[in-house]
Every structure is written in C-alpha cells, then in structure tokens.
Amino acid sequence: MLRLLTEAAEEGSADAQVTLGHLLLVGHQPAGLKPDPAKAFEWTLKSGEQGNIGAQCRLAVMCASGTGTPPDEKSAFEWTLRAAENDANSPEAKAALGVMYYQGRGCDASHERAFTWTLRAADAGLLEAQGLAGDMFYHGLGTDVDMKRAYVYTKMAAMQGHKFSQLKVASMCLMGEGTKADVDVAKEWAKKATGQEIDFVDPGQWLHDRMREMMEEEVKSHGGQ
C-alpha cells in the first residue's frame, strides 16, 4: 500500500502526494513509517503547488506553526489565500483568510478585505463566519453599519446552535435592533443559549451578564490568549 502510494506520488498524483505528506506528518506504525515533518512538508508542497486545496490548507498551518519548515506568517498567508481562491471552495479557508486580514497576520491589515472573505465564508454556511459577519455588520467593521443584516447573519449562526449568537439575537430582539422588539422571542433565544429563564425585571442586564460570562469562558478555554 505504502509502496503504491509513494509510486503514485512520485509520478505526480497530487492526491497521492498530500496523502503521503499526511502519513509522514503523523507517522504510520503498520507500515513502519515514523513521523518526518520535513518530508511531510516536501510532499505536501508538491501537492499544493498542483492546486490540491487540502494540501494548500495544510501548508498554511505548517508554515504558521513551523512544522517541517521555519515559521513564516507571510507564506502562511499566501497559502491561505491560494486555498481561499481555489475553485474547490473551502469556507474554512475563506474564514481563515478573513481573520488574517483582520489581524494583519502575514499581510497588511484590512477590515474591508476581512469583511469580504468573512461574508463569503458565512454565505457558504460556516457557523463561525456567520456570527462574525453579523458582528461586523453590527459594528460597521469593513462595511457600513447594517442592523438588519447584522440580525440576519447573527440569527444564521444562532440557528446552527452558536450559543453566543443566540444571546446576541436575544439582545437584538429585546432592543429592537435589526428586527422588531419582542421580549417573548428574546426570552426564547436566551433560554436556548443558557437553559435559563431570562430575568424579566432587568432583561438587558441579565443578557449583558450572560454574554460577558460566555466571553470569559471562551478566553479561559484558549488559555487566556
């Protein structure tokens, strides 16, 4: 099996090259193959240069983390861009490119380009991108403030089960931002997010506190970064 895969990779099969690269990255004990990040990068690079989108995405990660090659954020950005523009259509690559433009990682920071790529990922159905697109419409980051579209995209993420977006929808329903004010609908979304009944005495403060708690938990889950 490994011999045939290696032969196909050497003959130029992009699929075989990216598969071989993966096996070299993690190792394959049944075949006696030990991890070799440098060779993994070499084969993945051959595949990525032929346009294999899986290889391009992996190259972006390997360049960013310095796996099998020296860390290089510019190269990580370039491979992310190639994956995002690939006709194979990876919403994850589009979303990752949006984040890199937003943070200026390996490129000049641009809220406008960040918004463009985030919206493309959101329209392709990626939950995290939908929530972020909603937030960008809400705050006017890289685009004009548009509360109606902010509500639409935030609700898309909420309907896919994104807890923070569910609370955001609850808040927008409560305040009438991008949709008509409706306390009952706000309470329904808040309960979906937390399993708790909203505090009717001061619902705005209750939602604010729950959203802050979720943000703090998210920070803790990423080691405070």
C-alpha atoms as a PDB file:
ATOM      1  CA  MET A   1       0.000   0.000   0.000  1.00  0.00           C
ATOM      2  CA  LEU A   2       2.698   2.485   1.022  1.00  0.00           C
ATOM      3  CA  ARG A   3       4.858   1.490  -1.946  1.00  0.00           C
ATOM      4  CA  LEU A   4       1.996   2.064  -4.386  1.00  0.00           C
ATOM      5  CA  LEU A   5       1.167   5.393  -2.733  1.00  0.00           C
ATOM      6  CA  THR A   6       4.795   6.516  -2.956  1.00  0.00           C
ATOM      7  CA  GLU A   7       4.991   5.497  -6.609  1.00  0.00           C
ATOM      8  CA  ALA A   8       1.834   7.460  -7.410  1.00  0.00           C
ATOM      9  CA  ALA A   9       3.200  10.486  -5.551  1.00  0.00           C
ATOM     10  CA  GLU A  10       6.491  10.275  -7.428  1.00  0.00           C
ATOM     11  CA  GLU A  11       4.567  10.047 -10.706  1.00  0.00           C
ATOM     12  CA  GLY A  12       2.893  13.371  -9.895  1.00  0.00           C
ATOM     13  CA  SER A  13      -0.501  12.483  -8.377  1.00  0.00           C
ATOM     14  CA  ALA A  14      -1.490  15.448  -6.211  1.00  0.00           C
ATOM     15  CA  ASP A  15      -3.884  13.297  -4.188  1.00  0.00           C
ATOM     16  CA  ALA A  16      -1.174  10.724  -3.519  1.00  0.00           C
ATOM     17  CA  GLN A  17       1.283  13.468  -2.594  1.00  0.00           C
ATOM     18  CA  VAL A  18      -0.986  15.056   0.008  1.00  0.00           C
ATOM     19  CA  THR A  19      -1.875  11.637   1.439  1.00  0.00           C
ATOM     20  CA  LEU A  20       1.778  10.662   1.671  1.00  0.00           C
ATOM     21  CA  GLY A  21       2.511  14.014   3.256  1.00  0.00           C
ATOM     22  CA  HIS A  22      -0.113  13.355   5.910  1.00  0.00           C
ATOM     23  CA  LEU A  23       1.272   9.902   6.679  1.00  0.00           C
ATOM     24  CA  LEU A  24       4.763  11.353   7.007  1.00  0.00           C
ATOM     25  CA  LEU A  25       3.430  14.078   9.276  1.00  0.00           C
ATOM     26  CA  VAL A  26       1.726  11.766  11.781  1.00  0.00           C
ATOM     27  CA  GLY A  27       3.560   8.505  11.117  1.00  0.00           C
ATOM     28  CA  HIS A  28       2.048   5.163  10.150  1.00  0.00           C
ATOM     29  CA  GLN A  29       3.048   2.379  12.521  1.00  0.00           C
ATOM     30  CA  PRO A  30       1.634  -0.560  10.494  1.00  0.00           C
ATOM     31  CA  ALA A  31       3.920   0.396   7.621  1.00  0.00           C
ATOM     32  CA  GLY A  32       6.842   1.196   9.910  1.00  0.00           C
ATOM     33  CA  LEU A  33       6.673   4.834   8.876  1.00  0.00           C
ATOM     34  CA  LYS A  34       7.939   7.283  11.506  1.00  0.00           C
ATOM     35  CA  PRO A  35       6.878  10.936  11.581  1.00  0.00           C
ATOM     36  CA  ASP A  36       9.094  13.100   9.396  1.00  0.00           C
ATOM     37  CA  PRO A  37       7.764  16.697   9.312  1.00  0.00           C
ATOM     38  CA  ALA A  38      10.373  17.890   6.804  1.00  0.00           C
ATOM     39  CA  LYS A  39       9.492  15.204   4.249  1.00  0.00           C
ATOM     40  CA  ALA A  40       5.808  15.715   5.039  1.00  0.00           C
ATOM     41  CA  PHE A  41       6.176  19.377   4.130  1.00  0.00           C
ATOM     42  CA  GLU A  42       8.062  18.493   0.946  1.00  0.00           C
ATOM     43  CA  TRP A  43       5.315  16.201  -0.368  1.00  0.00           C
ATOM     44  CA  THR A  44       2.514  18.483   0.789  1.00  0.00           C
ATOM     45  CA  LEU A  45       4.205  21.364  -1.035  1.00  0.00           C
ATOM     46  CA  LYS A  46       4.308  19.368  -4.274  1.00  0.00           C
ATOM     47  CA  SER A  47       0.578  18.699  -3.960  1.00  0.00           C
ATOM     48  CA  GLY A  48      -0.279  22.275  -3.014  1.00  0.00           C
ATOM     49  CA  GLU A  49       1.615  23.662  -5.977  1.00  0.00           C
ATOM     50  CA  GLN A  50      -0.592  21.494  -8.211  1.00  0.00           C
ATOM     51  CA  GLY A  51      -3.697  23.103  -6.728  1.00  0.00           C
ATOM     52  CA  ASN A  52      -4.802  20.486  -4.178  1.00  0.00           C
ATOM     53  CA  ILE A  53      -6.891  22.501  -1.732  1.00  0.00           C
ATOM     54  CA  GLY A  54      -6.347  20.140   1.182  1.00  0.00           C
ATOM     55  CA  ALA A  55      -2.600  20.471   0.735  1.00  0.00           C
ATOM     56  CA  GLN A  56      -2.853  24.261   0.479  1.00  0.00           C
ATOM     57  CA  CYS A  57      -4.782  24.458   3.752  1.00  0.00           C
ATOM     58  CA  ARG A  58      -2.277  22.166   5.460  1.00  0.00           C
ATOM     59  CA  LEU A  59       0.662  24.176   4.118  1.00  0.00           C
ATOM     60  CA  ALA A  60      -0.832  27.319   5.632  1.00  0.00           C
ATOM     61  CA  VAL A  61      -0.971  25.626   9.039  1.00  0.00           C
ATOM     62  CA  MET A  62       2.517  24.132   8.701  1.00  0.00           C
ATOM     63  CA  CYS A  63       4.038  27.476   7.711  1.00  0.00           C
ATOM     64  CA  ALA A  64       2.278  29.256  10.570  1.00  0.00           C
ATOM     65  CA  SER A  65       3.354  26.690  13.174  1.00  0.00           C
ATOM     66  CA  GLY A  66       6.802  25.969  11.778  1.00  0.00           C
ATOM     67  CA  THR A  67       6.089  22.284  11.193  1.00  0.00           C
ATOM     68  CA  GLY A  68       8.623  20.815   8.797  1.00  0.00           C
ATOM     69  CA  THR A  69       9.671  24.297   7.736  1.00  0.00           C
ATOM     70  CA  PRO A  70      10.727  27.515   9.512  1.00  0.00           C
ATOM     71  CA  PRO A  71       7.762  29.578  10.822  1.00  0.00           C
ATOM     72  CA  ASP A  72       6.703  32.078   8.164  1.00  0.00           C
ATOM     73  CA  GLU A  73       3.479  34.058   8.547  1.00  0.00           C
ATOM     74  CA  LYS A  74       3.790  35.572   5.068  1.00  0.00           C
ATOM     75  CA  SER A  75       3.923  32.102   3.498  1.00  0.00           C
ATOM     76  CA  ALA A  76       1.054  31.011   5.749  1.00  0.00           C
ATOM     77  CA  PHE A  77      -0.980  33.939   4.422  1.00  0.00           C
ATOM     78  CA  GLU A  78      -0.065  33.191   0.812  1.00  0.00           C
ATOM     79  CA  TRP A  79      -1.154  29.549   1.109  1.00  0.00           C
ATOM     80  CA  THR A  80      -4.350  30.570   2.870  1.00  0.00           C
ATOM     81  CA  LEU A  81      -5.068  33.000   0.034  1.00  0.00           C
ATOM     82  CA  ARG A  82      -4.468  30.302  -2.588  1.00  0.00           C
ATOM     83  CA  ALA A  83      -6.785  27.922  -0.726  1.00  0.00           C
ATOM     84  CA  ALA A  84      -9.473  30.604  -0.334  1.00  0.00           C
ATOM     85  CA  GLU A  85      -9.342  31.409  -4.067  1.00  0.00           C
ATOM     86  CA  ASN A  86      -9.285  27.720  -5.064  1.00  0.00           C
ATOM     87  CA  ASP A  87     -12.281  26.661  -7.174  1.00  0.00           C
ATOM     88  CA  ALA A  88     -12.733  23.671  -4.838  1.00  0.00           C
ATOM     89  CA  ASN A  89     -14.332  26.208  -2.457  1.00  0.00           C
ATOM     90  CA  SER A  90     -13.267  25.874   1.186  1.00  0.00           C
ATOM     91  CA  PRO A  91     -15.385  28.048   3.524  1.00  0.00           C
ATOM     92  CA  GLU A  92     -12.826  27.377   6.271  1.00  0.00           C
ATOM     93  CA  ALA A  93     -10.020  28.809   4.122  1.00  0.00           C
ATOM     94  CA  LYS A  94     -12.114  31.876   3.319  1.00  0.00           C
ATOM     95  CA  ALA A  95     -12.852  32.425   7.010  1.00  0.00           C
ATOM     96  CA  ALA A  96      -9.197  31.932   7.950  1.00  0.00           C
ATOM     97  CA  LEU A  97      -8.173  34.482   5.313  1.00  0.00           C
ATOM     98  CA  GLY A  98     -10.697  36.934   6.731  1.00  0.00           C
ATOM     99  CA  VAL A  99      -9.148  36.559  10.190  1.00  0.00           C
ATOM    100  CA  MET A 100      -5.632  37.053   8.804  1.00  0.00           C
ATOM    101  CA  TYR A 101      -6.676  40.255   7.037  1.00  0.00           C
ATOM    102  CA  TYR A 102      -8.412  41.448  10.204  1.00  0.00           C
ATOM    103  CA  GLN A 103      -5.359  40.785  12.380  1.00  0.00           C
ATOM    104  CA  GLY A 104      -2.751  41.699   9.782  1.00  0.00           C
ATOM    105  CA  ARG A 105      -1.022  38.316  10.031  1.00  0.00           C
ATOM    106  CA  GLY A 106       1.375  37.909   7.115  1.00  0.00           C
ATOM    107  CA  CYS A 107      -0.294  40.816   5.306  1.00  0.00           C
ATOM    108  CA  ASP A 108      -1.368  44.423   5.731  1.00  0.00           C
ATOM    109  CA  ALA A 109      -4.412  44.584   7.995  1.00  0.00           C
ATOM    110  CA  SER A 110      -7.624  45.434   6.157  1.00  0.00           C
ATOM    111  CA  HIS A 111     -11.095  45.390   7.704  1.00  0.00           C
ATOM    112  CA  GLU A 112     -12.604  45.707   4.248  1.00  0.00           C
ATOM    113  CA  ARG A 113     -10.880  42.591   2.901  1.00  0.00           C
ATOM    114  CA  ALA A 114     -11.532  40.801   6.181  1.00  0.00           C
ATOM    115  CA  PHE A 115     -15.224  41.536   5.793  1.00  0.00           C
ATOM    116  CA  THR A 116     -15.289  40.420   2.141  1.00  0.00           C
ATOM    117  CA  TRP A 117     -13.816  36.996   2.896  1.00  0.00           C
ATOM    118  CA  THR A 118     -15.749  36.524   6.121  1.00  0.00           C
ATOM    119  CA  LEU A 119     -19.001  37.205   4.284  1.00  0.00           C
ATOM    120  CA  ARG A 120     -18.109  34.673   1.588  1.00  0.00           C
ATOM    121  CA  ALA A 121     -17.490  32.040   4.255  1.00  0.00           C
ATOM    122  CA  ALA A 122     -20.724  32.983   6.010  1.00  0.00           C
ATOM    123  CA  ASP A 123     -22.725  32.702   2.786  1.00  0.00           C
ATOM    124  CA  ALA A 124     -21.173  29.250   2.291  1.00  0.00           C
ATOM    125  CA  GLY A 125     -22.744  28.213   5.617  1.00  0.00           C
ATOM    126  CA  LEU A 126     -19.800  28.351   8.035  1.00  0.00           C
ATOM    127  CA  LEU A 127     -21.208  28.946  11.503  1.00  0.00           C
ATOM    128  CA  GLU A 128     -18.294  30.917  12.988  1.00  0.00           C
ATOM    129  CA  ALA A 129     -18.142  33.174   9.934  1.00  0.00           C
ATOM    130  CA  GLN A 130     -21.870  33.869  10.152  1.00  0.00           C
ATOM    131  CA  GLY A 131     -21.512  35.061  13.741  1.00  0.00           C
ATOM    132  CA  LEU A 132     -18.504  37.194  12.845  1.00  0.00           C
ATOM    133  CA  ALA A 133     -20.244  38.665   9.771  1.00  0.00           C
ATOM    134  CA  GLY A 134     -23.164  39.618  11.981  1.00  0.00           C
ATOM    135  CA  ASP A 135     -20.794  41.330  14.395  1.00  0.00           C
ATOM    136  CA  MET A 136     -19.060  43.204  11.564  1.00  0.00           C
ATOM    137  CA  PHE A 137     -22.391  44.470  10.214  1.00  0.00           C
ATOM    138  CA  TYR A 138     -23.391  45.423  13.763  1.00  0.00           C
ATOM    139  CA  HIS A 139     -20.256  47.474  14.467  1.00  0.00           C
ATOM    140  CA  GLY A 140     -19.521  48.638  10.914  1.00  0.00           C
ATOM    141  CA  LEU A 141     -16.171  46.846  10.634  1.00  0.00           C
ATOM    142  CA  GLY A 142     -15.071  46.823   7.000  1.00  0.00           C
ATOM    143  CA  THR A 143     -18.598  47.738   5.924  1.00  0.00           C
ATOM    144  CA  ASP A 144     -21.397  50.162   6.759  1.00  0.00           C
ATOM    145  CA  VAL A 145     -23.424  49.547   9.893  1.00  0.00           C
ATOM    146  CA  ASP A 146     -26.472  47.494   8.846  1.00  0.00           C
ATOM    147  CA  MET A 147     -28.580  46.267  11.743  1.00  0.00           C
ATOM    148  CA  LYS A 148     -30.959  44.264   9.577  1.00  0.00           C
ATOM    149  CA  ARG A 149     -28.140  42.261   8.017  1.00  0.00           C
ATOM    150  CA  ALA A 150     -26.420  42.032  11.401  1.00  0.00           C
ATOM    151  CA  TYR A 151     -29.558  40.365  12.743  1.00  0.00           C
ATOM    152  CA  VAL A 152     -29.878  38.057   9.718  1.00  0.00           C
ATOM    153  CA  TYR A 153     -26.310  36.726   9.935  1.00  0.00           C
ATOM    154  CA  THR A 154     -26.284  36.517  13.719  1.00  0.00           C
ATOM    155  CA  LYS A 155     -29.512  34.543  13.577  1.00  0.00           C
ATOM    156  CA  MET A 156     -27.991  32.192  10.972  1.00  0.00           C
ATOM    157  CA  ALA A 157     -25.270  31.283  13.465  1.00  0.00           C
ATOM    158  CA  ALA A 158     -27.791  31.107  16.308  1.00  0.00           C
ATOM    159  CA  MET A 159     -29.947  28.657  14.380  1.00  0.00           C
ATOM    160  CA  GLN A 160     -26.893  26.424  13.961  1.00  0.00           C
ATOM    161  CA  GLY A 161     -26.511  26.318  17.740  1.00  0.00           C
ATOM    162  CA  HIS A 162     -23.864  29.009  18.357  1.00  0.00           C
ATOM    163  CA  LYS A 163     -24.561  29.970  21.980  1.00  0.00           C
ATOM    164  CA  PHE A 164     -23.097  33.467  21.939  1.00  0.00           C
ATOM    165  CA  SER A 165     -25.016  34.291  18.752  1.00  0.00           C
ATOM    166  CA  GLN A 166     -28.198  33.031  20.397  1.00  0.00           C
ATOM    167  CA  LEU A 167     -27.661  35.513  23.233  1.00  0.00           C
ATOM    168  CA  LYS A 168     -26.871  38.249  20.712  1.00  0.00           C
ATOM    169  CA  VAL A 169     -30.133  37.516  18.881  1.00  0.00           C
ATOM    170  CA  ALA A 170     -31.944  37.652  22.221  1.00  0.00           C
ATOM    171  CA  SER A 171     -30.391  41.049  22.914  1.00  0.00           C
ATOM    172  CA  MET A 172     -31.287  42.381  19.453  1.00  0.00           C
ATOM    173  CA  CYS A 173     -34.870  41.152  19.824  1.00  0.00           C
ATOM    174  CA  LEU A 174     -35.073  42.782  23.221  1.00  0.00           C
ATOM    175  CA  MET A 175     -33.741  46.129  21.968  1.00  0.00           C
ATOM    176  CA  GLY A 176     -35.410  46.033  18.546  1.00  0.00           C
ATOM    177  CA  GLU A 177     -32.082  46.157  16.693  1.00  0.00           C
ATOM    178  CA  GLY A 178     -32.470  44.945  13.116  1.00  0.00           C
ATOM    179  CA  THR A 179     -35.825  43.384  13.970  1.00  0.00           C
ATOM    180  CA  LYS A 180     -38.967  44.355  15.826  1.00  0.00           C
ATOM    181  CA  ALA A 181     -38.693  44.430  19.608  1.00  0.00           C
ATOM    182  CA  ASP A 182     -40.199  41.296  21.137  1.00  0.00           C
ATOM    183  CA  VAL A 183     -39.475  40.349  24.750  1.00  0.00           C
ATOM    184  CA  ASP A 184     -41.037  36.902  24.389  1.00  0.00           C
ATOM    185  CA  VAL A 185     -38.827  35.999  21.409  1.00  0.00           C
ATOM    186  CA  ALA A 186     -35.812  37.395  23.291  1.00  0.00           C
ATOM    187  CA  LYS A 187     -36.609  35.119  26.224  1.00  0.00           C
ATOM    188  CA  GLU A 188     -36.882  32.091  23.913  1.00  0.00           C
ATOM    189  CA  TRP A 189     -33.443  32.709  22.424  1.00  0.00           C
ATOM    190  CA  ALA A 190     -31.910  33.367  25.826  1.00  0.00           C
ATOM    191  CA  LYS A 191     -33.281  30.083  27.111  1.00  0.00           C
ATOM    192  CA  LYS A 192     -31.865  28.231  24.087  1.00  0.00           C
ATOM    193  CA  ALA A 193     -28.448  29.677  24.842  1.00  0.00           C
ATOM    194  CA  THR A 194     -28.357  29.126  28.595  1.00  0.00           C
ATOM    195  CA  GLY A 195     -31.198  26.812  29.552  1.00  0.00           C
ATOM    196  CA  GLN A 196     -32.309  29.561  31.949  1.00  0.00           C
ATOM    197  CA  GLU A 197     -35.329  31.820  32.047  1.00  0.00           C
ATOM    198  CA  ILE A 198     -34.449  35.439  31.374  1.00  0.00           C
ATOM    199  CA  ASP A 199     -34.712  37.859  34.307  1.00  0.00           C
ATOM    200  CA  PHE A 200     -37.837  39.844  33.456  1.00  0.00           C
ATOM    201  CA  VAL A 201     -37.000  42.580  35.998  1.00  0.00           C
ATOM    202  CA  ASP A 202     -33.851  43.675  34.163  1.00  0.00           C
ATOM    203  CA  PRO A 203     -33.511  41.581  30.989  1.00  0.00           C
ATOM    204  CA  GLY A 204     -30.892  43.873  29.437  1.00  0.00           C
ATOM    205  CA  GLN A 205     -28.543  43.448  32.399  1.00  0.00           C
ATOM    206  CA  TRP A 206     -29.224  39.710  32.526  1.00  0.00           C
ATOM    207  CA  LEU A 207     -28.247  39.316  28.855  1.00  0.00           C
ATOM    208  CA  HIS A 208     -25.180  41.514  29.317  1.00  0.00           C
ATOM    209  CA  ASP A 209     -24.008  39.377  32.243  1.00  0.00           C
ATOM    210  CA  ARG A 210     -24.553  36.085  30.378  1.00  0.00           C
ATOM    211  CA  MET A 211     -22.696  37.345  27.285  1.00  0.00           C
ATOM    212  CA  ARG A 212     -19.790  38.531  29.441  1.00  0.00           C
ATOM    213  CA  GLU A 213     -19.648  35.133  31.161  1.00  0.00           C
ATOM    214  CA  MET A 214     -19.551  33.337  27.799  1.00  0.00           C
ATOM    215  CA  MET A 215     -16.741  35.581  26.587  1.00  0.00           C
ATOM    216  CA  GLU A 216     -14.737  34.923  29.762  1.00  0.00           C
ATOM    217  CA  GLU A 217     -15.240  31.171  29.387  1.00  0.00           C
ATOM    218  CA  GLU A 218     -14.074  31.384  25.759  1.00  0.00           C
ATOM    219  CA  VAL A 219     -10.907  33.204  26.830  1.00  0.00           C
ATOM    220  CA  LYS A 220     -10.216  30.588  29.535  1.00  0.00           C
ATOM    221  CA  SER A 221     -10.729  27.741  27.062  1.00  0.00           C
ATOM    222  CA  HIS A 222      -7.960  29.238  24.886  1.00  0.00           C
ATOM    223  CA  GLY A 223      -5.544  29.552  27.757  1.00  0.00           C
ATOM    224  CA  GLY A 224      -6.164  33.229  28.322  1.00  0.00           C
ATOM    225  CA  GLN A 225      -4.886  34.170  24.875  1.00  0.00           C
END
